[in-house]
Amino acid sequence: MFVVACRPMAGVSPLSANSQSQQPFPTPSPFSFSDASARLSTRPSVYQCNLILRFLALLFSFVSALSLAASSSKKDSPRPSSFADYSELLYCFIASVLVFVYSAFQLFKGIWDIAQRGILISDMFSDYMSFILDQVAGYLLISSSSVAIVTIQQIDKTASILKAVIISTIVSFVTFLVIVICTLLSGYKLCKRISW
């Protein structure tokens, strides 16, 4: 048996000195900041930002396609015209519909990943696919917008479709800007995956 004699210190009670020496190591709080919690807390914000951008792309591409389709149903103008009468505007309509379908798929995939905490498509394949298809969607939108600008100059100023084409072109360009941000975000995720 080993006995240690301790001399009492001035101003410190023996009970408080003993309780300080026997306190266990502090356990980390679930609310404390650590590297693992930082990764978990930033991951949902990236997914939420991606969802917001995908929803905006879905909305803007729908408005772009709808403005062209709704203008063709107007029959009260002296010269009724449809977007189908112009091959360039038909290309703009098809590009907007394709971007709408792609944005709907990306939005569904993002909601599924957050809600079910499961993976619809593997992360690596999803990063590559999103990066490539975002660039294809951006190319379709910018080329259709540039073709529509040339077509606007050729359309008669009294044609009923002129305002619809202008609205569709502006909204299509805004959709292009949203897709550019989505491309930058998917490129960032792909670079992080490659650098791991």
N, C-alpha and C. Protein backbone atom coordinates (compact mmCIF):
# COMPACT_ATOMS: atom_id res chain seq x y z
N MET A 1 0.84 -1.16 0.00
CA MET A 1 0.00 0.00 0.00
C MET A 1 0.88 1.23 0.00
N PHE A 2 0.47 2.19 -0.79
CA PHE A 2 1.27 3.39 -0.98
C PHE A 2 0.46 4.59 -0.50
N VAL A 3 1.00 5.37 0.39
CA VAL A 3 0.30 6.52 0.96
C VAL A 3 1.07 7.77 0.58
N VAL A 4 0.32 8.76 0.12
CA VAL A 4 0.93 10.03 -0.24
C VAL A 4 0.39 11.07 0.72
N ALA A 5 1.28 11.79 1.30
CA ALA A 5 0.88 12.85 2.21
C ALA A 5 0.81 14.15 1.43
N CYS A 6 -0.30 14.82 1.55
CA CYS A 6 -0.50 16.09 0.85
C CYS A 6 -0.62 17.20 1.86
N ARG A 7 0.04 18.27 1.54
CA ARG A 7 -0.02 19.43 2.39
C ARG A 7 -1.15 20.32 1.89
N PRO A 8 -2.04 20.79 2.73
CA PRO A 8 -3.12 21.65 2.27
C PRO A 8 -2.59 22.97 1.73
N MET A 9 -3.17 23.38 0.60
CA MET A 9 -2.77 24.65 0.00
C MET A 9 -3.62 25.77 0.57
N ALA A 10 -3.02 26.91 0.60
CA ALA A 10 -3.73 28.06 1.15
C ALA A 10 -4.76 28.56 0.16
N GLY A 11 -5.97 28.74 0.62
CA GLY A 11 -7.04 29.31 -0.20
C GLY A 11 -7.78 28.29 -1.05
N VAL A 12 -7.39 27.03 -1.03
CA VAL A 12 -8.06 26.02 -1.83
C VAL A 12 -8.57 24.95 -0.89
N SER A 13 -9.83 24.67 -0.98
CA SER A 13 -10.39 23.64 -0.11
C SER A 13 -9.98 22.27 -0.64
N PRO A 14 -9.81 21.29 0.21
CA PRO A 14 -9.41 19.96 -0.24
C PRO A 14 -10.46 19.31 -1.14
N LEU A 15 -11.71 19.67 -0.94
CA LEU A 15 -12.76 19.06 -1.74
C LEU A 15 -12.70 19.54 -3.19
N SER A 16 -12.47 20.86 -3.40
CA SER A 16 -12.41 21.37 -4.77
C SER A 16 -11.14 20.94 -5.47
N ALA A 17 -10.02 20.81 -4.77
CA ALA A 17 -8.78 20.35 -5.40
C ALA A 17 -8.93 18.89 -5.82
N ASN A 18 -9.59 18.10 -5.00
CA ASN A 18 -9.77 16.70 -5.31
C ASN A 18 -10.73 16.52 -6.49
N SER A 19 -11.80 17.35 -6.56
CA SER A 19 -12.77 17.20 -7.64
C SER A 19 -12.18 17.64 -8.98
N GLN A 20 -11.24 18.63 -8.94
CA GLN A 20 -10.61 19.06 -10.18
C GLN A 20 -9.67 18.00 -10.72
N SER A 21 -8.99 17.29 -9.85
CA SER A 21 -8.04 16.30 -10.31
C SER A 21 -8.73 15.03 -10.79
N GLN A 22 -9.94 14.74 -10.33
CA GLN A 22 -10.62 13.51 -10.70
C GLN A 22 -11.66 13.70 -11.81
N GLN A 23 -11.77 14.91 -12.38
CA GLN A 23 -12.72 15.11 -13.47
C GLN A 23 -12.26 14.33 -14.69
N PRO A 24 -13.18 13.64 -15.35
CA PRO A 24 -12.78 12.92 -16.56
C PRO A 24 -12.53 13.91 -17.69
N PHE A 25 -11.92 13.40 -18.74
CA PHE A 25 -11.68 14.25 -19.90
C PHE A 25 -13.02 14.71 -20.46
N PRO A 26 -13.08 15.94 -20.93
CA PRO A 26 -14.36 16.44 -21.43
C PRO A 26 -14.75 15.70 -22.71
N THR A 27 -16.00 15.29 -22.76
CA THR A 27 -16.50 14.62 -23.96
C THR A 27 -16.96 15.67 -24.95
N PRO A 28 -16.73 15.42 -26.23
CA PRO A 28 -17.17 16.41 -27.21
C PRO A 28 -18.69 16.49 -27.30
N SER A 29 -19.17 17.67 -27.39
CA SER A 29 -20.61 17.88 -27.53
C SER A 29 -21.03 17.57 -28.95
N PRO A 30 -22.24 17.07 -29.15
CA PRO A 30 -22.69 16.84 -30.53
C PRO A 30 -22.85 18.15 -31.29
N PHE A 31 -22.86 19.29 -30.55
CA PHE A 31 -23.01 20.58 -31.20
C PHE A 31 -21.68 21.29 -31.38
N SER A 32 -20.57 20.64 -30.96
CA SER A 32 -19.27 21.29 -31.11
C SER A 32 -18.82 21.21 -32.56
N PHE A 33 -17.91 22.10 -32.90
CA PHE A 33 -17.43 22.19 -34.27
C PHE A 33 -16.24 21.26 -34.44
N SER A 34 -16.31 20.39 -35.40
CA SER A 34 -15.20 19.51 -35.72
C SER A 34 -15.15 19.34 -37.23
N ASP A 35 -14.10 18.67 -37.68
CA ASP A 35 -13.94 18.48 -39.13
C ASP A 35 -15.05 17.60 -39.68
N ALA A 36 -15.41 16.56 -38.97
CA ALA A 36 -16.46 15.67 -39.45
C ALA A 36 -17.81 16.38 -39.47
N SER A 37 -18.09 17.16 -38.43
CA SER A 37 -19.38 17.86 -38.42
C SER A 37 -19.40 18.96 -39.47
N ALA A 38 -18.25 19.53 -39.78
CA ALA A 38 -18.21 20.56 -40.83
C ALA A 38 -18.54 19.95 -42.18
N ARG A 39 -18.02 18.76 -42.44
CA ARG A 39 -18.33 18.11 -43.71
C ARG A 39 -19.81 17.77 -43.81
N LEU A 40 -20.37 17.29 -42.71
CA LEU A 40 -21.78 16.93 -42.74
C LEU A 40 -22.68 18.15 -42.84
N SER A 41 -22.25 19.27 -42.25
CA SER A 41 -23.11 20.45 -42.28
C SER A 41 -23.02 21.18 -43.62
N THR A 42 -21.88 21.08 -44.31
CA THR A 42 -21.79 21.77 -45.60
C THR A 42 -22.37 20.93 -46.72
N ARG A 43 -22.42 19.64 -46.57
CA ARG A 43 -22.94 18.81 -47.65
C ARG A 43 -24.40 19.11 -47.97
N PRO A 44 -25.29 19.21 -46.96
CA PRO A 44 -26.66 19.54 -47.31
C PRO A 44 -26.81 20.92 -47.94
N SER A 45 -25.99 21.89 -47.55
CA SER A 45 -26.13 23.22 -48.14
C SER A 45 -25.74 23.20 -49.62
N VAL A 46 -24.76 22.38 -49.99
CA VAL A 46 -24.41 22.25 -51.41
C VAL A 46 -25.55 21.61 -52.17
N TYR A 47 -26.16 20.59 -51.57
CA TYR A 47 -27.29 19.94 -52.22
C TYR A 47 -28.49 20.89 -52.33
N GLN A 48 -28.73 21.68 -51.29
CA GLN A 48 -29.85 22.62 -51.33
C GLN A 48 -29.61 23.71 -52.37
N CYS A 49 -28.39 24.19 -52.46
CA CYS A 49 -28.07 25.19 -53.49
C CYS A 49 -28.25 24.61 -54.88
N ASN A 50 -27.82 23.37 -55.05
CA ASN A 50 -28.00 22.70 -56.34
C ASN A 50 -29.47 22.52 -56.67
N LEU A 51 -30.29 22.18 -55.66
CA LEU A 51 -31.72 22.02 -55.89
C LEU A 51 -32.37 23.34 -56.31
N ILE A 52 -31.98 24.43 -55.66
CA ILE A 52 -32.55 25.73 -56.01
C ILE A 52 -32.18 26.10 -57.44
N LEU A 53 -30.93 25.87 -57.82
CA LEU A 53 -30.51 26.19 -59.19
C LEU A 53 -31.24 25.31 -60.20
N ARG A 54 -31.40 24.03 -59.90
CA ARG A 54 -32.10 23.13 -60.82
C ARG A 54 -33.57 23.52 -60.96
N PHE A 55 -34.18 23.96 -59.85
CA PHE A 55 -35.57 24.40 -59.93
C PHE A 55 -35.69 25.66 -60.78
N LEU A 56 -34.74 26.59 -60.63
CA LEU A 56 -34.78 27.80 -61.45
C LEU A 56 -34.60 27.47 -62.93
N ALA A 57 -33.69 26.54 -63.24
CA ALA A 57 -33.51 26.13 -64.64
C ALA A 57 -34.78 25.48 -65.18
N LEU A 58 -35.43 24.67 -64.35
CA LEU A 58 -36.68 24.03 -64.75
C LEU A 58 -37.76 25.09 -65.02
N LEU A 59 -37.88 26.04 -64.14
CA LEU A 59 -38.90 27.08 -64.27
C LEU A 59 -38.66 27.96 -65.49
N PHE A 60 -37.42 28.42 -65.67
CA PHE A 60 -37.13 29.32 -66.78
C PHE A 60 -37.24 28.63 -68.13
N SER A 61 -36.80 27.37 -68.20
CA SER A 61 -36.93 26.65 -69.48
C SER A 61 -38.40 26.38 -69.80
N PHE A 62 -39.21 26.16 -68.78
CA PHE A 62 -40.64 25.97 -69.01
C PHE A 62 -41.28 27.26 -69.53
N VAL A 63 -40.92 28.40 -68.94
CA VAL A 63 -41.46 29.68 -69.39
C VAL A 63 -41.02 29.98 -70.81
N SER A 64 -39.77 29.65 -71.14
CA SER A 64 -39.27 29.89 -72.49
C SER A 64 -40.04 29.07 -73.53
N ALA A 65 -40.25 27.80 -73.25
CA ALA A 65 -40.99 26.95 -74.18
C ALA A 65 -42.46 27.33 -74.23
N LEU A 66 -43.03 27.69 -73.08
CA LEU A 66 -44.44 28.04 -73.03
C LEU A 66 -44.74 29.34 -73.79
N SER A 67 -43.83 30.29 -73.72
CA SER A 67 -44.08 31.55 -74.43
C SER A 67 -44.11 31.34 -75.94
N LEU A 68 -43.30 30.43 -76.45
CA LEU A 68 -43.36 30.12 -77.87
C LEU A 68 -44.62 29.34 -78.23
N ALA A 69 -44.97 28.37 -77.40
CA ALA A 69 -46.14 27.53 -77.69
C ALA A 69 -47.44 28.31 -77.54
N ALA A 70 -47.52 29.21 -76.57
CA ALA A 70 -48.75 29.96 -76.35
C ALA A 70 -48.97 31.01 -77.43
N SER A 71 -47.91 31.50 -78.02
CA SER A 71 -48.07 32.53 -79.06
C SER A 71 -48.65 31.95 -80.33
N SER A 72 -48.45 30.67 -80.57
CA SER A 72 -48.95 30.07 -81.80
C SER A 72 -50.45 29.85 -81.79
N SER A 73 -51.06 29.94 -80.59
CA SER A 73 -52.49 29.72 -80.51
C SER A 73 -53.30 31.00 -80.75
N LYS A 74 -52.64 32.15 -80.86
CA LYS A 74 -53.35 33.41 -81.08
C LYS A 74 -53.75 33.50 -82.55
N LYS A 75 -55.04 33.60 -82.80
CA LYS A 75 -55.53 33.66 -84.17
C LYS A 75 -56.19 35.01 -84.50
N ASP A 76 -56.17 35.95 -83.55
CA ASP A 76 -56.88 37.21 -83.76
C ASP A 76 -56.05 38.27 -84.49
N SER A 77 -54.77 38.03 -84.69
CA SER A 77 -53.94 39.03 -85.36
C SER A 77 -54.13 38.92 -86.87
N PRO A 78 -53.82 40.00 -87.59
CA PRO A 78 -54.01 39.96 -89.04
C PRO A 78 -53.14 38.91 -89.73
N ARG A 79 -51.94 38.68 -89.18
CA ARG A 79 -51.06 37.67 -89.75
C ARG A 79 -50.72 36.65 -88.68
N PRO A 80 -51.54 35.66 -88.46
CA PRO A 80 -51.21 34.66 -87.45
C PRO A 80 -49.99 33.85 -87.87
N SER A 81 -49.09 33.69 -86.96
CA SER A 81 -47.89 32.90 -87.26
C SER A 81 -47.59 32.00 -86.08
N SER A 82 -46.91 30.94 -86.36
CA SER A 82 -46.56 29.97 -85.35
C SER A 82 -45.05 29.81 -85.32
N PHE A 83 -44.54 29.35 -84.19
CA PHE A 83 -43.10 29.11 -84.13
C PHE A 83 -42.71 27.96 -85.05
N ALA A 84 -43.65 27.10 -85.39
CA ALA A 84 -43.36 25.98 -86.28
C ALA A 84 -43.13 26.45 -87.72
N ASP A 85 -43.56 27.68 -88.03
CA ASP A 85 -43.31 28.23 -89.36
C ASP A 85 -41.85 28.58 -89.58
N TYR A 86 -41.10 28.74 -88.49
CA TYR A 86 -39.68 29.09 -88.55
C TYR A 86 -38.87 27.93 -87.99
N SER A 87 -37.95 27.42 -88.77
CA SER A 87 -37.14 26.29 -88.30
C SER A 87 -36.24 26.70 -87.13
N GLU A 88 -35.81 27.96 -87.12
CA GLU A 88 -34.96 28.44 -86.03
C GLU A 88 -35.72 28.45 -84.71
N LEU A 89 -36.98 28.89 -84.76
CA LEU A 89 -37.78 28.93 -83.53
C LEU A 89 -38.18 27.52 -83.09
N LEU A 90 -38.33 26.64 -84.02
CA LEU A 90 -38.59 25.24 -83.67
C LEU A 90 -37.39 24.66 -82.93
N TYR A 91 -36.19 25.02 -83.37
CA TYR A 91 -34.97 24.60 -82.67
C TYR A 91 -34.93 25.18 -81.26
N CYS A 92 -35.33 26.44 -81.10
CA CYS A 92 -35.37 27.07 -79.78
C CYS A 92 -36.36 26.35 -78.87
N PHE A 93 -37.51 26.00 -79.41
CA PHE A 93 -38.52 25.30 -78.63
C PHE A 93 -38.01 23.92 -78.19
N ILE A 94 -37.41 23.19 -79.10
CA ILE A 94 -36.89 21.84 -78.78
C ILE A 94 -35.77 21.93 -77.75
N ALA A 95 -34.89 22.94 -77.89
CA ALA A 95 -33.82 23.11 -76.91
C ALA A 95 -34.37 23.42 -75.53
N SER A 96 -35.39 24.26 -75.45
CA SER A 96 -36.00 24.58 -74.16
C SER A 96 -36.68 23.37 -73.54
N VAL A 97 -37.33 22.56 -74.36
CA VAL A 97 -37.98 21.35 -73.83
C VAL A 97 -36.94 20.34 -73.34
N LEU A 98 -35.84 20.19 -74.08
CA LEU A 98 -34.78 19.27 -73.63
C LEU A 98 -34.16 19.72 -72.32
N VAL A 99 -33.92 21.02 -72.17
CA VAL A 99 -33.36 21.53 -70.92
C VAL A 99 -34.38 21.37 -69.79
N PHE A 100 -35.66 21.53 -70.10
CA PHE A 100 -36.70 21.32 -69.10
C PHE A 100 -36.69 19.88 -68.60
N VAL A 101 -36.62 18.92 -69.51
CA VAL A 101 -36.61 17.50 -69.13
C VAL A 101 -35.35 17.17 -68.33
N TYR A 102 -34.21 17.69 -68.76
CA TYR A 102 -32.96 17.45 -68.04
C TYR A 102 -32.99 18.07 -66.64
N SER A 103 -33.53 19.27 -66.52
CA SER A 103 -33.61 19.92 -65.22
C SER A 103 -34.59 19.19 -64.30
N ALA A 104 -35.67 18.66 -64.86
CA ALA A 104 -36.62 17.88 -64.06
C ALA A 104 -35.96 16.61 -63.53
N PHE A 105 -35.15 15.96 -64.38
CA PHE A 105 -34.44 14.76 -63.93
C PHE A 105 -33.45 15.10 -62.82
N GLN A 106 -32.68 16.18 -62.98
CA GLN A 106 -31.70 16.56 -61.96
C GLN A 106 -32.39 16.96 -60.66
N LEU A 107 -33.52 17.63 -60.77
CA LEU A 107 -34.26 18.03 -59.57
C LEU A 107 -34.81 16.80 -58.85
N PHE A 108 -35.35 15.85 -59.60
CA PHE A 108 -35.86 14.61 -59.00
C PHE A 108 -34.73 13.84 -58.32
N LYS A 109 -33.58 13.75 -58.98
CA LYS A 109 -32.45 13.03 -58.41
C LYS A 109 -31.95 13.71 -57.14
N GLY A 110 -31.90 15.03 -57.14
CA GLY A 110 -31.46 15.76 -55.94
C GLY A 110 -32.42 15.60 -54.78
N ILE A 111 -33.72 15.67 -55.04
CA ILE A 111 -34.71 15.49 -53.98
C ILE A 111 -34.66 14.06 -53.45
N TRP A 112 -34.49 13.10 -54.34
CA TRP A 112 -34.40 11.69 -53.93
C TRP A 112 -33.18 11.46 -53.04
N ASP A 113 -32.05 12.04 -53.40
CA ASP A 113 -30.83 11.86 -52.60
C ASP A 113 -30.97 12.48 -51.22
N ILE A 114 -31.64 13.63 -51.12
CA ILE A 114 -31.80 14.27 -49.81
C ILE A 114 -32.86 13.55 -48.98
N ALA A 115 -34.00 13.23 -49.59
CA ALA A 115 -35.11 12.65 -48.83
C ALA A 115 -34.83 11.24 -48.37
N GLN A 116 -34.31 10.41 -49.24
CA GLN A 116 -34.11 9.00 -48.91
C GLN A 116 -32.72 8.71 -48.36
N ARG A 117 -31.85 9.68 -48.42
CA ARG A 117 -30.44 9.51 -48.02
C ARG A 117 -29.82 8.31 -48.73
N GLY A 118 -30.34 8.04 -49.89
CA GLY A 118 -29.82 6.95 -50.71
C GLY A 118 -29.32 7.51 -52.02
N ILE A 119 -28.78 6.65 -52.80
CA ILE A 119 -28.19 7.09 -54.05
C ILE A 119 -28.98 6.49 -55.19
N LEU A 120 -29.57 7.35 -56.01
CA LEU A 120 -30.26 6.89 -57.20
C LEU A 120 -29.25 6.45 -58.25
N ILE A 121 -28.20 7.23 -58.40
CA ILE A 121 -27.09 6.93 -59.30
C ILE A 121 -25.83 7.08 -58.47
N SER A 122 -24.79 6.32 -58.77
CA SER A 122 -23.56 6.42 -57.99
C SER A 122 -22.99 7.84 -58.08
N ASP A 123 -22.35 8.26 -56.99
CA ASP A 123 -21.85 9.63 -56.92
C ASP A 123 -20.84 9.94 -58.01
N MET A 124 -19.94 9.01 -58.28
CA MET A 124 -18.90 9.27 -59.28
C MET A 124 -19.52 9.42 -60.67
N PHE A 125 -20.40 8.51 -61.04
CA PHE A 125 -21.06 8.60 -62.35
C PHE A 125 -21.93 9.85 -62.43
N SER A 126 -22.60 10.19 -61.33
CA SER A 126 -23.46 11.37 -61.30
C SER A 126 -22.66 12.65 -61.50
N ASP A 127 -21.48 12.74 -60.89
CA ASP A 127 -20.65 13.94 -61.05
C ASP A 127 -20.18 14.10 -62.50
N TYR A 128 -19.72 13.02 -63.10
CA TYR A 128 -19.29 13.09 -64.50
C TYR A 128 -20.47 13.41 -65.43
N MET A 129 -21.61 12.74 -65.19
CA MET A 129 -22.78 12.94 -66.04
C MET A 129 -23.30 14.38 -65.92
N SER A 130 -23.37 14.90 -64.70
CA SER A 130 -23.87 16.26 -64.51
C SER A 130 -22.95 17.28 -65.17
N PHE A 131 -21.64 17.08 -65.03
CA PHE A 131 -20.69 18.03 -65.61
C PHE A 131 -20.80 18.05 -67.14
N ILE A 132 -20.91 16.89 -67.75
CA ILE A 132 -20.98 16.82 -69.22
C ILE A 132 -22.33 17.32 -69.73
N LEU A 133 -23.42 16.85 -69.11
CA LEU A 133 -24.75 17.23 -69.59
C LEU A 133 -25.09 18.69 -69.29
N ASP A 134 -24.51 19.26 -68.23
CA ASP A 134 -24.69 20.70 -67.99
C ASP A 134 -24.07 21.51 -69.12
N GLN A 135 -22.92 21.07 -69.60
CA GLN A 135 -22.29 21.78 -70.72
C GLN A 135 -23.09 21.64 -72.00
N VAL A 136 -23.65 20.45 -72.23
CA VAL A 136 -24.49 20.25 -73.42
C VAL A 136 -25.73 21.13 -73.34
N ALA A 137 -26.36 21.18 -72.16
CA ALA A 137 -27.55 22.02 -71.99
C ALA A 137 -27.20 23.49 -72.17
N GLY A 138 -26.06 23.92 -71.65
CA GLY A 138 -25.64 25.30 -71.84
C GLY A 138 -25.39 25.63 -73.30
N TYR A 139 -24.78 24.68 -74.02
CA TYR A 139 -24.56 24.90 -75.45
C TYR A 139 -25.88 25.01 -76.21
N LEU A 140 -26.83 24.12 -75.90
CA LEU A 140 -28.14 24.19 -76.57
C LEU A 140 -28.82 25.53 -76.32
N LEU A 141 -28.75 26.01 -75.09
CA LEU A 141 -29.43 27.26 -74.75
C LEU A 141 -28.78 28.47 -75.41
N ILE A 142 -27.44 28.53 -75.39
CA ILE A 142 -26.80 29.72 -75.96
C ILE A 142 -26.90 29.71 -77.48
N SER A 143 -26.86 28.53 -78.09
CA SER A 143 -27.00 28.49 -79.55
C SER A 143 -28.43 28.81 -79.97
N SER A 144 -29.41 28.33 -79.20
CA SER A 144 -30.80 28.65 -79.55
C SER A 144 -31.10 30.12 -79.32
N SER A 145 -30.50 30.71 -78.30
CA SER A 145 -30.70 32.15 -78.07
C SER A 145 -30.09 32.98 -79.19
N SER A 146 -28.91 32.58 -79.64
CA SER A 146 -28.27 33.35 -80.72
C SER A 146 -29.02 33.20 -82.04
N VAL A 147 -29.57 32.02 -82.29
CA VAL A 147 -30.37 31.81 -83.49
C VAL A 147 -31.67 32.61 -83.41
N ALA A 148 -32.26 32.69 -82.20
CA ALA A 148 -33.50 33.43 -82.03
C ALA A 148 -33.29 34.92 -82.24
N ILE A 149 -32.12 35.42 -81.85
CA ILE A 149 -31.84 36.86 -82.06
C ILE A 149 -31.80 37.18 -83.55
N VAL A 150 -31.19 36.31 -84.34
CA VAL A 150 -31.17 36.52 -85.79
C VAL A 150 -32.59 36.44 -86.35
N THR A 151 -33.40 35.52 -85.83
CA THR A 151 -34.77 35.36 -86.31
C THR A 151 -35.63 36.57 -85.95
N ILE A 152 -35.38 37.17 -84.79
CA ILE A 152 -36.14 38.35 -84.39
C ILE A 152 -35.96 39.47 -85.42
N GLN A 153 -34.77 39.58 -85.94
CA GLN A 153 -34.51 40.63 -86.94
C GLN A 153 -35.22 40.33 -88.26
N GLN A 154 -35.52 39.07 -88.52
CA GLN A 154 -36.18 38.71 -89.78
C GLN A 154 -37.70 38.70 -89.69
N ILE A 155 -38.24 38.62 -88.49
CA ILE A 155 -39.69 38.57 -88.32
C ILE A 155 -40.26 39.96 -88.57
N ASP A 156 -41.42 39.98 -89.21
CA ASP A 156 -42.12 41.23 -89.47
C ASP A 156 -42.53 41.86 -88.14
N LYS A 157 -42.41 43.17 -88.04
CA LYS A 157 -42.69 43.87 -86.79
C LYS A 157 -44.17 43.78 -86.39
N THR A 158 -45.05 43.50 -87.33
CA THR A 158 -46.47 43.39 -87.00
C THR A 158 -46.90 41.96 -86.69
N ALA A 159 -45.98 41.02 -86.76
CA ALA A 159 -46.33 39.61 -86.50
C ALA A 159 -46.65 39.42 -85.02
N SER A 160 -47.60 38.53 -84.77
CA SER A 160 -48.05 38.32 -83.39
C SER A 160 -47.02 37.53 -82.57
N ILE A 161 -46.13 36.88 -83.22
CA ILE A 161 -45.17 36.03 -82.52
C ILE A 161 -43.93 36.80 -82.04
N LEU A 162 -43.79 38.04 -82.46
CA LEU A 162 -42.56 38.79 -82.17
C LEU A 162 -42.34 38.95 -80.67
N LYS A 163 -43.35 39.36 -79.92
CA LYS A 163 -43.18 39.54 -78.47
C LYS A 163 -42.86 38.22 -77.78
N ALA A 164 -43.51 37.16 -78.22
CA ALA A 164 -43.25 35.85 -77.62
C ALA A 164 -41.82 35.39 -77.87
N VAL A 165 -41.31 35.67 -79.05
CA VAL A 165 -39.93 35.28 -79.37
C VAL A 165 -38.95 36.09 -78.53
N ILE A 166 -39.23 37.36 -78.33
CA ILE A 166 -38.35 38.20 -77.51
C ILE A 166 -38.35 37.70 -76.06
N ILE A 167 -39.53 37.43 -75.53
CA ILE A 167 -39.62 36.91 -74.15
C ILE A 167 -38.92 35.57 -74.04
N SER A 168 -39.15 34.70 -74.99
CA SER A 168 -38.52 33.38 -74.96
C SER A 168 -37.00 33.48 -75.04
N THR A 169 -36.49 34.39 -75.84
CA THR A 169 -35.04 34.56 -75.97
C THR A 169 -34.42 35.08 -74.68
N ILE A 170 -35.07 36.05 -74.06
CA ILE A 170 -34.54 36.61 -72.80
C ILE A 170 -34.55 35.54 -71.70
N VAL A 171 -35.66 34.83 -71.58
CA VAL A 171 -35.75 33.80 -70.54
C VAL A 171 -34.79 32.64 -70.83
N SER A 172 -34.60 32.33 -72.10
CA SER A 172 -33.65 31.28 -72.47
C SER A 172 -32.22 31.68 -72.10
N PHE A 173 -31.89 32.95 -72.26
CA PHE A 173 -30.55 33.41 -71.88
C PHE A 173 -30.38 33.38 -70.36
N VAL A 174 -31.44 33.73 -69.61
CA VAL A 174 -31.38 33.64 -68.15
C VAL A 174 -31.21 32.18 -67.72
N THR A 175 -31.89 31.27 -68.40
CA THR A 175 -31.72 29.84 -68.13
C THR A 175 -30.28 29.42 -68.39
N PHE A 176 -29.69 29.96 -69.45
CA PHE A 176 -28.29 29.66 -69.75
C PHE A 176 -27.39 30.10 -68.59
N LEU A 177 -27.64 31.27 -68.01
CA LEU A 177 -26.82 31.75 -66.90
C LEU A 177 -26.97 30.83 -65.68
N VAL A 178 -28.18 30.35 -65.44
CA VAL A 178 -28.39 29.42 -64.32
C VAL A 178 -27.66 28.10 -64.58
N ILE A 179 -27.72 27.62 -65.80
CA ILE A 179 -27.02 26.37 -66.15
C ILE A 179 -25.50 26.55 -66.04
N VAL A 180 -25.00 27.75 -66.35
CA VAL A 180 -23.56 28.01 -66.18
C VAL A 180 -23.16 27.87 -64.72
N ILE A 181 -23.99 28.39 -63.82
CA ILE A 181 -23.69 28.25 -62.39
C ILE A 181 -23.77 26.78 -61.97
N CYS A 182 -24.74 26.05 -62.50
CA CYS A 182 -24.83 24.61 -62.23
C CYS A 182 -23.60 23.88 -62.74
N THR A 183 -23.10 24.29 -63.91
CA THR A 183 -21.90 23.67 -64.47
C THR A 183 -20.69 23.94 -63.59
N LEU A 184 -20.58 25.16 -63.08
CA LEU A 184 -19.46 25.48 -62.19
C LEU A 184 -19.55 24.65 -60.90
N LEU A 185 -20.76 24.48 -60.38
CA LEU A 185 -20.93 23.69 -59.17
C LEU A 185 -20.63 22.22 -59.41
N SER A 186 -21.09 21.67 -60.52
CA SER A 186 -20.78 20.27 -60.81
C SER A 186 -19.30 20.09 -61.14
N GLY A 187 -18.68 21.09 -61.77
CA GLY A 187 -17.24 21.02 -62.01
C GLY A 187 -16.45 21.05 -60.71
N TYR A 188 -16.92 21.86 -59.76
CA TYR A 188 -16.27 21.90 -58.44
C TYR A 188 -16.36 20.54 -57.76
N LYS A 189 -17.57 19.93 -57.79
CA LYS A 189 -17.73 18.62 -57.17
C LYS A 189 -16.88 17.57 -57.87
N LEU A 190 -16.75 17.67 -59.19
CA LEU A 190 -15.93 16.71 -59.93
C LEU A 190 -14.45 16.89 -59.60
N CYS A 191 -13.99 18.13 -59.49
CA CYS A 191 -12.58 18.38 -59.12
C CYS A 191 -12.28 17.88 -57.71
N LYS A 192 -13.23 18.06 -56.80
CA LYS A 192 -13.02 17.54 -55.44
C LYS A 192 -12.94 16.01 -55.48
N ARG A 193 -13.75 15.38 -56.31
CA ARG A 193 -13.71 13.92 -56.40
C ARG A 193 -12.39 13.45 -57.00
N ILE A 194 -11.89 14.15 -58.02
CA ILE A 194 -10.63 13.73 -58.66
C ILE A 194 -9.47 13.95 -57.70
N SER A 195 -9.51 15.04 -56.93
CA SER A 195 -8.38 15.33 -56.03
C SER A 195 -8.37 14.45 -54.80
N TRP A 196 -9.47 13.73 -54.49
CA TRP A 196 -9.48 12.81 -53.36
C TRP A 196 -8.62 11.67 -53.71
